[in-house]
Amino acid sequence: MNEWAQLPISPAEYQEKAAALHREKFTYTQPLPGAPTLVHNLAYRSAPQVHIALATSSHRANYNVKTQHLGHVFSAFHDERRVLGDDPRILAGAGKPAPDIFLLALQTINDGIRGDGNEPEIKPEECLVFEDSVPGIEAGRRAGMRVVWVPHPGLLKEYHGREGQVLAGLAGQHEGTGPGVVGDGWGELLPSLENFPYEQYGIQIQGQ
């Protein structure tokens, strides 16, 4: 790719410069509008309790830089329920849009449920995935889970007219039978996480 693009720097120099930019810019990352409130409500105010897990393609080093100033959000996710892109339990080449990362996140939740022994394990079809990326939506659908897509406006513009395909998991790299069907009701597009419709998903938040 370096030769094709005729870049004036070597691949090693490019990686070094990119890493430096990541270290600088990632310290300014901010959550999507409404995300902190959503995470807080699900983690601390839902009744019955909603179990949450984090499944991100970010590797450990980048994740730490991105989130070190956002402890008020990410502290809601228990350490054992955080699945990162370089998790050794995920096979090489099995990142998003493969379903593995979401199925592993569900496994971490069910491991805790089995340990407590107070409730039945959660099935994939009982899960709700929040994603801003197209590969992430496909991964969620391929895992057999419902999805909420909250894309950047620029990304949404790029997929104008194909939103239904994205929500069905049909806009990416699926093989054979698609993970979903356009209009099957298992995917929803939201412009923002603000004022999230909890009741629509059977979630009760105390005080609301």
C-alpha atoms as a PDB file:
ATOM      1  CA  MET A   1       0.000   0.000   0.000  1.00  0.00           C
ATOM      2  CA  ASN A   2       2.892   2.325   0.749  1.00  0.00           C
ATOM      3  CA  GLU A   3       4.222   1.859  -2.782  1.00  0.00           C
ATOM      4  CA  TRP A   4       0.751   2.217  -4.332  1.00  0.00           C
ATOM      5  CA  ALA A   5       0.156   5.511  -2.515  1.00  0.00           C
ATOM      6  CA  GLN A   6       3.714   6.654  -3.304  1.00  0.00           C
ATOM      7  CA  LEU A   7       4.149   7.984   0.209  1.00  0.00           C
ATOM      8  CA  PRO A   8       7.384   9.910   0.775  1.00  0.00           C
ATOM      9  CA  ILE A   9       8.070   8.005   4.014  1.00  0.00           C
ATOM     10  CA  SER A  10       8.754   4.370   4.839  1.00  0.00           C
ATOM     11  CA  PRO A  11       6.120   2.109   6.447  1.00  0.00           C
ATOM     12  CA  ALA A  12       8.067   2.257   9.722  1.00  0.00           C
ATOM     13  CA  GLU A  13       8.112   6.064   9.669  1.00  0.00           C
ATOM     14  CA  TYR A  14       4.398   6.136   8.888  1.00  0.00           C
ATOM     15  CA  GLN A  15       3.596   3.838  11.809  1.00  0.00           C
ATOM     16  CA  GLU A  16       5.736   5.930  14.139  1.00  0.00           C
ATOM     17  CA  LYS A  17       4.042   9.184  13.111  1.00  0.00           C
ATOM     18  CA  ALA A  18       0.585   7.608  13.311  1.00  0.00           C
ATOM     19  CA  ALA A  19       1.289   6.275  16.802  1.00  0.00           C
ATOM     20  CA  ALA A  20       2.453   9.717  17.933  1.00  0.00           C
ATOM     21  CA  LEU A  21      -0.720  11.324  16.588  1.00  0.00           C
ATOM     22  CA  HIS A  22      -2.828   8.682  18.329  1.00  0.00           C
ATOM     23  CA  ARG A  23      -1.139   9.353  21.652  1.00  0.00           C
ATOM     24  CA  GLU A  24      -1.808  13.069  21.223  1.00  0.00           C
ATOM     25  CA  LYS A  25      -5.351  13.047  19.826  1.00  0.00           C
ATOM     26  CA  PHE A  26      -6.770  10.125  21.795  1.00  0.00           C
ATOM     27  CA  THR A  27      -6.327  12.049  25.039  1.00  0.00           C
ATOM     28  CA  TYR A  28      -9.058  14.416  23.817  1.00  0.00           C
ATOM     29  CA  THR A  29     -11.628  11.793  22.850  1.00  0.00           C
ATOM     30  CA  GLN A  30     -15.131  12.342  24.165  1.00  0.00           C
ATOM     31  CA  PRO A  31     -18.092   9.952  24.383  1.00  0.00           C
ATOM     32  CA  LEU A  32     -21.030  10.322  22.046  1.00  0.00           C
ATOM     33  CA  PRO A  33     -23.734  12.690  23.340  1.00  0.00           C
ATOM     34  CA  GLY A  34     -25.986  10.769  25.701  1.00  0.00           C
ATOM     35  CA  ALA A  35     -23.579   7.852  26.126  1.00  0.00           C
ATOM     36  CA  PRO A  36     -22.488   8.660  29.720  1.00  0.00           C
ATOM     37  CA  THR A  37     -26.106   8.927  30.883  1.00  0.00           C
ATOM     38  CA  LEU A  38     -27.082   5.748  29.036  1.00  0.00           C
ATOM     39  CA  VAL A  39     -24.224   3.739  30.536  1.00  0.00           C
ATOM     40  CA  HIS A  40     -24.910   5.102  34.032  1.00  0.00           C
ATOM     41  CA  ASN A  41     -28.615   4.317  33.818  1.00  0.00           C
ATOM     42  CA  LEU A  42     -28.074   0.783  32.552  1.00  0.00           C
ATOM     43  CA  ALA A  43     -25.347   0.004  35.084  1.00  0.00           C
ATOM     44  CA  TYR A  44     -26.778   1.613  38.211  1.00  0.00           C
ATOM     45  CA  ARG A  45     -30.458   2.479  37.781  1.00  0.00           C
ATOM     46  CA  SER A  46     -32.013  -0.359  35.799  1.00  0.00           C
ATOM     47  CA  ALA A  47     -34.516  -2.597  37.574  1.00  0.00           C
ATOM     48  CA  PRO A  48     -34.376  -5.510  36.983  1.00  0.00           C
ATOM     49  CA  GLN A  49     -30.623  -5.102  36.619  1.00  0.00           C
ATOM     50  CA  VAL A  50     -29.343  -4.881  33.057  1.00  0.00           C
ATOM     51  CA  HIS A  51     -25.977  -6.583  32.606  1.00  0.00           C
ATOM     52  CA  ILE A  52     -23.538  -4.605  30.451  1.00  0.00           C
ATOM     53  CA  ALA A  53     -20.210  -5.451  28.833  1.00  0.00           C
ATOM     54  CA  LEU A  54     -17.746  -3.594  26.621  1.00  0.00           C
ATOM     55  CA  ALA A  55     -16.603  -5.023  23.272  1.00  0.00           C
ATOM     56  CA  THR A  56     -14.171  -2.765  21.420  1.00  0.00           C
ATOM     57  CA  SER A  57     -11.774  -3.308  18.530  1.00  0.00           C
ATOM     58  CA  SER A  58      -9.253  -1.001  20.217  1.00  0.00           C
ATOM     59  CA  HIS A  59      -6.134  -2.754  21.451  1.00  0.00           C
ATOM     60  CA  ARG A  60      -5.099  -2.373  25.078  1.00  0.00           C
ATOM     61  CA  ALA A  61      -2.550   0.413  24.561  1.00  0.00           C
ATOM     62  CA  ASN A  62      -4.892   2.610  22.510  1.00  0.00           C
ATOM     63  CA  TYR A  63      -7.839   1.798  24.772  1.00  0.00           C
ATOM     64  CA  ASN A  64      -5.922   2.997  27.823  1.00  0.00           C
ATOM     65  CA  VAL A  65      -5.006   6.279  26.130  1.00  0.00           C
ATOM     66  CA  LYS A  66      -8.552   6.828  24.860  1.00  0.00           C
ATOM     67  CA  THR A  67     -10.233   6.176  28.194  1.00  0.00           C
ATOM     68  CA  GLN A  68      -7.826   7.316  30.922  1.00  0.00           C
ATOM     69  CA  HIS A  69      -9.663  10.651  31.196  1.00  0.00           C
ATOM     70  CA  LEU A  70     -13.122   9.045  30.971  1.00  0.00           C
ATOM     71  CA  GLY A  71     -13.162   6.993  34.136  1.00  0.00           C
ATOM     72  CA  HIS A  72     -16.601   8.342  35.034  1.00  0.00           C
ATOM     73  CA  VAL A  73     -17.965   6.423  32.033  1.00  0.00           C
ATOM     74  CA  PHE A  74     -15.839   3.299  31.750  1.00  0.00           C
ATOM     75  CA  SER A  75     -15.786   2.482  35.458  1.00  0.00           C
ATOM     76  CA  ALA A  76     -19.317   1.146  34.933  1.00  0.00           C
ATOM     77  CA  PHE A  77     -17.842  -1.818  33.042  1.00  0.00           C
ATOM     78  CA  HIS A  78     -16.349  -4.457  35.329  1.00  0.00           C
ATOM     79  CA  ASP A  79     -12.799  -5.407  34.357  1.00  0.00           C
ATOM     80  CA  GLU A  80     -13.793  -8.978  33.585  1.00  0.00           C
ATOM     81  CA  ARG A  81     -16.504  -7.701  31.246  1.00  0.00           C
ATOM     82  CA  ARG A  82     -14.217  -5.624  29.039  1.00  0.00           C
ATOM     83  CA  VAL A  83     -13.237  -7.375  25.814  1.00  0.00           C
ATOM     84  CA  LEU A  84     -10.588  -5.547  23.772  1.00  0.00           C
ATOM     85  CA  GLY A  85      -9.407  -6.045  20.221  1.00  0.00           C
ATOM     86  CA  ASP A  86      -6.191  -7.820  21.227  1.00  0.00           C
ATOM     87  CA  ASP A  87      -7.880 -10.163  23.701  1.00  0.00           C
ATOM     88  CA  PRO A  88      -6.038 -13.509  23.355  1.00  0.00           C
ATOM     89  CA  ARG A  89      -9.369 -15.353  23.461  1.00  0.00           C
ATOM     90  CA  ILE A  90     -10.254 -13.883  20.052  1.00  0.00           C
ATOM     91  CA  LEU A  91      -8.635 -15.809  17.212  1.00  0.00           C
ATOM     92  CA  ALA A  92      -6.505 -13.986  14.654  1.00  0.00           C
ATOM     93  CA  GLY A  93      -8.689 -12.594  11.878  1.00  0.00           C
ATOM     94  CA  ALA A  94     -11.864 -12.931  13.960  1.00  0.00           C
ATOM     95  CA  GLY A  95     -12.379  -9.253  14.783  1.00  0.00           C
ATOM     96  CA  LYS A  96     -15.415  -7.283  13.666  1.00  0.00           C
ATOM     97  CA  PRO A  97     -17.371  -7.928  11.427  1.00  0.00           C
ATOM     98  CA  ALA A  98     -17.012 -11.470  12.793  1.00  0.00           C
ATOM     99  CA  PRO A  99     -19.335 -12.065  15.769  1.00  0.00           C
ATOM    100  CA  ASP A 100     -16.657 -13.421  18.107  1.00  0.00           C
ATOM    101  CA  ILE A 101     -16.060 -10.278  20.173  1.00  0.00           C
ATOM    102  CA  PHE A 102     -19.744  -9.877  21.047  1.00  0.00           C
ATOM    103  CA  LEU A 103     -20.210 -13.562  21.804  1.00  0.00           C
ATOM    104  CA  LEU A 104     -17.177 -13.388  24.090  1.00  0.00           C
ATOM    105  CA  ALA A 105     -18.603 -10.310  25.817  1.00  0.00           C
ATOM    106  CA  LEU A 106     -21.823 -12.245  26.419  1.00  0.00           C
ATOM    107  CA  GLN A 107     -19.783 -15.148  27.768  1.00  0.00           C
ATOM    108  CA  THR A 108     -18.172 -12.859  30.354  1.00  0.00           C
ATOM    109  CA  ILE A 109     -21.629 -11.813  31.526  1.00  0.00           C
ATOM    110  CA  ASN A 110     -22.896 -15.379  31.732  1.00  0.00           C
ATOM    111  CA  ASP A 111     -19.777 -16.457  33.620  1.00  0.00           C
ATOM    112  CA  GLY A 112     -20.749 -13.970  36.325  1.00  0.00           C
ATOM    113  CA  ILE A 113     -24.380 -15.047  36.280  1.00  0.00           C
ATOM    114  CA  ARG A 114     -23.400 -18.695  36.741  1.00  0.00           C
ATOM    115  CA  GLY A 115     -21.171 -17.708  39.626  1.00  0.00           C
ATOM    116  CA  ASP A 116     -23.996 -15.884  41.376  1.00  0.00           C
ATOM    117  CA  GLY A 117     -26.561 -18.571  40.594  1.00  0.00           C
ATOM    118  CA  ASN A 118     -29.482 -16.164  40.987  1.00  0.00           C
ATOM    119  CA  GLU A 119     -30.825 -15.928  37.431  1.00  0.00           C
ATOM    120  CA  PRO A 120     -30.812 -17.742  34.092  1.00  0.00           C
ATOM    121  CA  GLU A 121     -28.067 -17.129  31.580  1.00  0.00           C
ATOM    122  CA  ILE A 122     -28.639 -14.556  28.842  1.00  0.00           C
ATOM    123  CA  LYS A 123     -29.138 -15.662  25.240  1.00  0.00           C
ATOM    124  CA  PRO A 124     -27.774 -13.764  22.216  1.00  0.00           C
ATOM    125  CA  GLU A 125     -31.261 -12.800  21.078  1.00  0.00           C
ATOM    126  CA  GLU A 126     -31.795 -11.084  24.445  1.00  0.00           C
ATOM    127  CA  CYS A 127     -28.809  -8.774  23.911  1.00  0.00           C
ATOM    128  CA  LEU A 128     -28.711  -5.229  22.553  1.00  0.00           C
ATOM    129  CA  VAL A 129     -25.550  -3.976  20.833  1.00  0.00           C
ATOM    130  CA  PHE A 130     -24.733  -0.262  20.574  1.00  0.00           C
ATOM    131  CA  GLU A 131     -22.418   0.537  17.655  1.00  0.00           C
ATOM    132  CA  ASP A 132     -21.233   3.464  15.578  1.00  0.00           C
ATOM    133  CA  SER A 133     -19.462   1.420  12.894  1.00  0.00           C
ATOM    134  CA  VAL A 134     -20.761  -0.653   9.998  1.00  0.00           C
ATOM    135  CA  PRO A 135     -18.518  -3.675  10.755  1.00  0.00           C
ATOM    136  CA  GLY A 136     -19.705  -3.516  14.372  1.00  0.00           C
ATOM    137  CA  ILE A 137     -23.345  -3.637  13.329  1.00  0.00           C
ATOM    138  CA  GLU A 138     -22.634  -6.615  11.096  1.00  0.00           C
ATOM    139  CA  ALA A 139     -20.793  -8.334  13.947  1.00  0.00           C
ATOM    140  CA  GLY A 140     -23.750  -7.805  16.264  1.00  0.00           C
ATOM    141  CA  ARG A 141     -26.219  -9.194  13.737  1.00  0.00           C
ATOM    142  CA  ARG A 142     -23.998 -12.171  13.001  1.00  0.00           C
ATOM    143  CA  ALA A 143     -23.918 -12.834  16.751  1.00  0.00           C
ATOM    144  CA  GLY A 144     -27.720 -13.085  16.700  1.00  0.00           C
ATOM    145  CA  MET A 145     -28.218  -9.878  18.687  1.00  0.00           C
ATOM    146  CA  ARG A 146     -30.354  -6.786  18.251  1.00  0.00           C
ATOM    147  CA  VAL A 147     -28.436  -3.663  17.291  1.00  0.00           C
ATOM    148  CA  VAL A 148     -28.648   0.110  17.637  1.00  0.00           C
ATOM    149  CA  TRP A 149     -26.584   2.043  15.097  1.00  0.00           C
ATOM    150  CA  VAL A 150     -25.473   5.544  16.102  1.00  0.00           C
ATOM    151  CA  PRO A 151     -23.209   6.603  13.214  1.00  0.00           C
ATOM    152  CA  HIS A 152     -21.179   9.744  12.698  1.00  0.00           C
ATOM    153  CA  PRO A 153     -23.121  12.071  10.345  1.00  0.00           C
ATOM    154  CA  GLY A 154     -20.416  11.682   7.703  1.00  0.00           C
ATOM    155  CA  LEU A 155     -20.680   7.897   7.810  1.00  0.00           C
ATOM    156  CA  LEU A 156     -24.462   8.054   7.672  1.00  0.00           C
ATOM    157  CA  LYS A 157     -24.225  10.244   4.579  1.00  0.00           C
ATOM    158  CA  GLU A 158     -21.921   7.704   2.956  1.00  0.00           C
ATOM    159  CA  TYR A 159     -24.520   4.970   3.449  1.00  0.00           C
ATOM    160  CA  HIS A 160     -27.522   7.084   2.475  1.00  0.00           C
ATOM    161  CA  GLY A 161     -30.137   4.833   0.922  1.00  0.00           C
ATOM    162  CA  ARG A 162     -28.485   1.709   2.320  1.00  0.00           C
ATOM    163  CA  GLU A 163     -29.372   2.167   5.979  1.00  0.00           C
ATOM    164  CA  GLY A 164     -31.616  -0.891   5.937  1.00  0.00           C
ATOM    165  CA  GLN A 165     -28.806  -3.035   4.580  1.00  0.00           C
ATOM    166  CA  VAL A 166     -26.474  -1.836   7.318  1.00  0.00           C
ATOM    167  CA  LEU A 167     -29.007  -2.601  10.054  1.00  0.00           C
ATOM    168  CA  ALA A 168     -29.523  -6.088   8.627  1.00  0.00           C
ATOM    169  CA  GLY A 169     -25.773  -6.683   8.605  1.00  0.00           C
ATOM    170  CA  LEU A 170     -25.717  -6.892   4.811  1.00  0.00           C
ATOM    171  CA  ALA A 171     -23.369  -4.018   3.958  1.00  0.00           C
ATOM    172  CA  GLY A 172     -20.072  -5.695   4.753  1.00  0.00           C
ATOM    173  CA  GLN A 173     -18.174  -8.942   4.416  1.00  0.00           C
ATOM    174  CA  HIS A 174     -20.781 -11.587   5.281  1.00  0.00           C
ATOM    175  CA  GLU A 175     -20.533 -14.919   3.524  1.00  0.00           C
ATOM    176  CA  GLY A 176     -23.455 -17.022   2.350  1.00  0.00           C
ATOM    177  CA  THR A 177     -26.780 -16.320   4.003  1.00  0.00           C
ATOM    178  CA  GLY A 178     -26.942 -12.827   5.438  1.00  0.00           C
ATOM    179  CA  PRO A 179     -27.134 -12.355   9.199  1.00  0.00           C
ATOM    180  CA  GLY A 180     -30.444 -10.503   8.910  1.00  0.00           C
ATOM    181  CA  VAL A 181     -33.191  -9.315   6.605  1.00  0.00           C
ATOM    182  CA  VAL A 182     -33.856  -5.695   5.723  1.00  0.00           C
ATOM    183  CA  GLY A 183     -36.722  -4.425   7.856  1.00  0.00           C
ATOM    184  CA  ASP A 184     -36.745  -7.403  10.233  1.00  0.00           C
ATOM    185  CA  GLY A 185     -36.967  -5.112  13.280  1.00  0.00           C
ATOM    186  CA  TRP A 186     -33.691  -6.277  14.828  1.00  0.00           C
ATOM    187  CA  GLY A 187     -31.840  -3.070  14.030  1.00  0.00           C
ATOM    188  CA  GLU A 188     -32.550   0.582  14.763  1.00  0.00           C
ATOM    189  CA  LEU A 189     -30.851   3.755  13.555  1.00  0.00           C
ATOM    190  CA  LEU A 190     -30.611   6.591  16.077  1.00  0.00           C
ATOM    191  CA  PRO A 191     -29.083  10.016  15.422  1.00  0.00           C
ATOM    192  CA  SER A 192     -28.062  10.275  19.087  1.00  0.00           C
ATOM    193  CA  LEU A 193     -28.048   8.337  22.357  1.00  0.00           C
ATOM    194  CA  GLU A 194     -29.691  11.264  24.095  1.00  0.00           C
ATOM    195  CA  ASN A 195     -33.212  10.549  25.353  1.00  0.00           C
ATOM    196  CA  PHE A 196     -32.793   6.841  24.652  1.00  0.00           C
ATOM    197  CA  PRO A 197     -36.183   5.026  24.488  1.00  0.00           C
ATOM    198  CA  TYR A 198     -35.603   2.492  27.272  1.00  0.00           C
ATOM    199  CA  GLU A 199     -39.228   1.355  27.399  1.00  0.00           C
ATOM    200  CA  GLN A 200     -39.093   0.361  23.741  1.00  0.00           C
ATOM    201  CA  TYR A 201     -36.587  -2.317  24.716  1.00  0.00           C
ATOM    202  CA  GLY A 202     -38.326  -3.379  27.904  1.00  0.00           C
ATOM    203  CA  ILE A 203     -35.813  -1.607  30.147  1.00  0.00           C
ATOM    204  CA  GLN A 204     -37.040   0.038  33.327  1.00  0.00           C
ATOM    205  CA  ILE A 205     -34.985   2.899  34.795  1.00  0.00           C
ATOM    206  CA  GLN A 206     -35.640   3.873  38.409  1.00  0.00           C
ATOM    207  CA  GLY A 207     -36.925   7.408  38.783  1.00  0.00           C
ATOM    208  CA  GLN A 208     -38.223   7.659  35.228  1.00  0.00           C
END
